[in-house]
């Protein structure tokens, strides 16, 4: 049987936790930090969870996640 292919774009963006939930980084936290308030930058630091409605779609792209 051939191996299933992981969607590489999804693999770089999402990680599956030990309990099976999917973690994602928050949007807008990569560049142009000077224009954002300190409070906003602090909120962007931590990862967030993918919504339960979208979790199934992400897990299809990460077969070994």
N, C-alpha and C. Protein backbone atom coordinates (compact mmCIF):
# COMPACT_ATOMS: atom_id res chain seq x y z
N UNK A 1 0.84 -1.19 0.00
CA UNK A 1 0.00 0.00 0.00
C UNK A 1 0.88 1.25 0.00
N UNK A 2 0.61 2.21 -0.87
CA UNK A 2 1.41 3.44 -0.83
C UNK A 2 1.09 4.29 0.39
N UNK A 3 2.06 5.10 0.75
CA UNK A 3 1.84 6.00 1.89
C UNK A 3 0.90 7.13 1.49
N UNK A 4 0.18 7.65 2.48
CA UNK A 4 -0.66 8.82 2.24
C UNK A 4 0.21 10.06 2.26
N UNK A 5 -0.15 11.04 1.45
CA UNK A 5 0.63 12.27 1.38
C UNK A 5 0.08 13.29 2.37
N UNK A 6 0.99 13.90 3.12
CA UNK A 6 0.63 15.00 4.01
C UNK A 6 0.63 16.29 3.20
N UNK A 7 -0.36 17.11 3.41
CA UNK A 7 -0.38 18.43 2.78
C UNK A 7 0.69 19.27 3.49
N UNK A 8 1.76 19.61 2.77
CA UNK A 8 2.91 20.26 3.40
C UNK A 8 2.57 21.67 3.88
N UNK A 9 1.69 22.37 3.18
CA UNK A 9 1.29 23.71 3.61
C UNK A 9 0.58 23.63 4.96
N UNK A 10 -0.27 22.62 5.13
CA UNK A 10 -1.00 22.46 6.40
C UNK A 10 -0.04 22.02 7.51
N UNK A 11 0.93 21.18 7.17
CA UNK A 11 1.87 20.68 8.18
C UNK A 11 2.70 21.81 8.78
N UNK A 12 2.95 22.86 7.98
CA UNK A 12 3.73 23.99 8.47
C UNK A 12 2.89 24.93 9.33
N UNK A 13 1.57 24.84 9.22
CA UNK A 13 0.68 25.77 9.93
C UNK A 13 0.00 25.18 11.15
N UNK A 14 -0.22 23.86 11.15
CA UNK A 14 -1.00 23.24 12.22
C UNK A 14 -0.21 22.15 12.91
N UNK A 15 -0.51 21.95 14.21
CA UNK A 15 0.06 20.84 14.98
C UNK A 15 -1.09 20.18 15.73
N UNK A 16 -1.08 18.86 15.79
CA UNK A 16 -2.11 18.14 16.52
C UNK A 16 -1.61 17.90 17.94
N UNK A 17 -2.45 18.21 18.93
CA UNK A 17 -2.07 18.05 20.33
C UNK A 17 -2.22 16.59 20.75
N UNK A 18 -1.80 16.29 21.96
CA UNK A 18 -1.90 14.93 22.47
C UNK A 18 -3.34 14.45 22.61
N UNK A 19 -4.25 15.38 22.86
CA UNK A 19 -5.66 15.01 23.01
C UNK A 19 -6.39 14.97 21.67
N UNK A 20 -5.70 15.35 20.58
CA UNK A 20 -6.32 15.28 19.27
C UNK A 20 -6.86 16.60 18.75
N UNK A 21 -6.78 17.65 19.55
CA UNK A 21 -7.20 18.97 19.05
C UNK A 21 -6.11 19.52 18.13
N UNK A 22 -6.45 20.55 17.33
CA UNK A 22 -5.50 21.11 16.36
C UNK A 22 -5.16 22.53 16.78
N UNK A 23 -3.86 22.80 16.90
CA UNK A 23 -3.37 24.13 17.27
C UNK A 23 -3.00 24.91 16.03
N UNK A 24 -3.18 26.23 16.10
CA UNK A 24 -2.81 27.09 14.97
C UNK A 24 -2.27 28.40 15.52
N UNK A 25 -1.38 29.07 14.77
CA UNK A 25 -0.96 30.41 15.21
C UNK A 25 -2.04 31.42 14.91
N UNK A 26 -2.06 32.50 15.65
CA UNK A 26 -3.04 33.56 15.41
C UNK A 26 -2.63 34.38 14.19
N UNK A 27 -3.63 34.89 13.49
CA UNK A 27 -3.37 35.64 12.27
C UNK A 27 -2.80 37.02 12.61
N UNK A 28 -1.88 37.50 11.76
CA UNK A 28 -1.36 38.86 11.89
C UNK A 28 -0.17 38.99 12.81
N UNK A 29 0.48 37.89 13.16
CA UNK A 29 1.59 37.97 14.10
C UNK A 29 2.96 37.76 13.50
N UNK A 30 3.11 37.98 12.20
CA UNK A 30 4.39 37.69 11.54
C UNK A 30 5.26 38.91 11.29
N UNK A 31 4.66 40.00 10.87
CA UNK A 31 5.48 41.17 10.52
C UNK A 31 4.68 42.44 10.79
N UNK A 32 5.33 43.60 10.54
CA UNK A 32 4.72 44.93 10.79
C UNK A 32 4.31 45.08 12.25
N UNK A 33 5.19 44.69 13.15
CA UNK A 33 4.86 44.74 14.58
C UNK A 33 4.88 46.17 15.13
N UNK A 34 5.60 47.08 14.47
CA UNK A 34 5.70 48.45 14.98
C UNK A 34 4.36 49.15 14.98
N UNK A 35 3.49 48.80 14.04
CA UNK A 35 2.20 49.46 13.95
C UNK A 35 1.15 48.91 14.89
N UNK A 36 1.49 47.83 15.60
CA UNK A 36 0.53 47.19 16.49
C UNK A 36 0.82 47.56 17.93
N UNK A 37 -0.22 47.64 18.73
CA UNK A 37 -0.05 48.02 20.12
C UNK A 37 0.62 46.88 20.89
N UNK A 38 1.20 47.21 22.03
CA UNK A 38 1.87 46.22 22.84
C UNK A 38 0.88 45.14 23.31
N UNK A 39 -0.33 45.58 23.65
CA UNK A 39 -1.37 44.65 24.09
C UNK A 39 -1.73 43.66 22.97
N UNK A 40 -1.82 44.18 21.76
CA UNK A 40 -2.16 43.34 20.62
C UNK A 40 -1.05 42.35 20.30
N UNK A 41 0.20 42.80 20.37
CA UNK A 41 1.33 41.90 20.13
C UNK A 41 1.38 40.79 21.17
N UNK A 42 1.07 41.13 22.41
CA UNK A 42 1.07 40.14 23.49
C UNK A 42 0.00 39.08 23.25
N UNK A 43 -1.17 39.51 22.78
CA UNK A 43 -2.26 38.57 22.51
C UNK A 43 -1.93 37.65 21.33
N UNK A 44 -1.12 38.13 20.39
CA UNK A 44 -0.78 37.34 19.21
C UNK A 44 0.28 36.27 19.50
N UNK A 45 0.94 36.34 20.65
CA UNK A 45 2.03 35.41 20.94
C UNK A 45 1.58 33.96 21.02
N UNK A 46 0.54 33.70 21.80
CA UNK A 46 0.16 32.32 22.07
C UNK A 46 -0.58 31.70 20.89
N UNK A 47 -0.47 30.38 20.76
CA UNK A 47 -1.22 29.67 19.74
C UNK A 47 -2.68 29.57 20.14
N UNK A 48 -3.52 29.33 19.15
CA UNK A 48 -4.95 29.22 19.36
C UNK A 48 -5.38 27.84 18.89
N UNK A 49 -6.62 27.48 19.14
CA UNK A 49 -7.15 26.19 18.67
C UNK A 49 -7.99 26.41 17.42
N UNK A 50 -7.96 25.44 16.54
CA UNK A 50 -8.83 25.47 15.36
C UNK A 50 -10.25 25.21 15.83
N UNK A 51 -11.22 25.89 15.22
CA UNK A 51 -12.63 25.71 15.58
C UNK A 51 -13.05 24.27 15.35
N UNK A 52 -13.91 23.74 16.20
CA UNK A 52 -14.35 22.34 16.04
C UNK A 52 -14.97 22.05 14.68
N UNK A 53 -15.63 23.04 14.07
CA UNK A 53 -16.24 22.84 12.76
C UNK A 53 -15.19 22.62 11.67
N UNK A 54 -14.00 23.22 11.83
CA UNK A 54 -12.95 23.12 10.81
C UNK A 54 -11.93 22.03 11.13
N UNK A 55 -11.97 21.49 12.33
CA UNK A 55 -10.97 20.53 12.78
C UNK A 55 -10.89 19.31 11.86
N UNK A 56 -12.03 18.80 11.46
CA UNK A 56 -12.07 17.61 10.61
C UNK A 56 -11.38 17.86 9.27
N UNK A 57 -11.59 19.05 8.69
CA UNK A 57 -10.98 19.38 7.40
C UNK A 57 -9.46 19.43 7.52
N UNK A 58 -8.96 19.98 8.63
CA UNK A 58 -7.51 20.08 8.82
C UNK A 58 -6.90 18.70 9.02
N UNK A 59 -7.60 17.83 9.78
CA UNK A 59 -7.06 16.50 10.05
C UNK A 59 -6.97 15.64 8.80
N UNK A 60 -7.83 15.91 7.81
CA UNK A 60 -7.74 15.18 6.54
C UNK A 60 -6.41 15.51 5.85
N UNK A 61 -5.96 16.76 5.98
CA UNK A 61 -4.70 17.18 5.35
C UNK A 61 -3.49 16.68 6.13
N UNK A 62 -3.68 16.28 7.40
CA UNK A 62 -2.59 15.78 8.24
C UNK A 62 -2.87 14.32 8.62
N UNK A 63 -2.70 13.37 7.71
CA UNK A 63 -3.09 11.99 8.01
C UNK A 63 -2.29 11.36 9.14
N UNK A 64 -1.06 11.81 9.35
CA UNK A 64 -0.23 11.22 10.41
C UNK A 64 -0.08 12.14 11.60
N UNK A 65 -0.89 13.18 11.69
CA UNK A 65 -0.79 14.17 12.75
C UNK A 65 -1.29 13.69 14.08
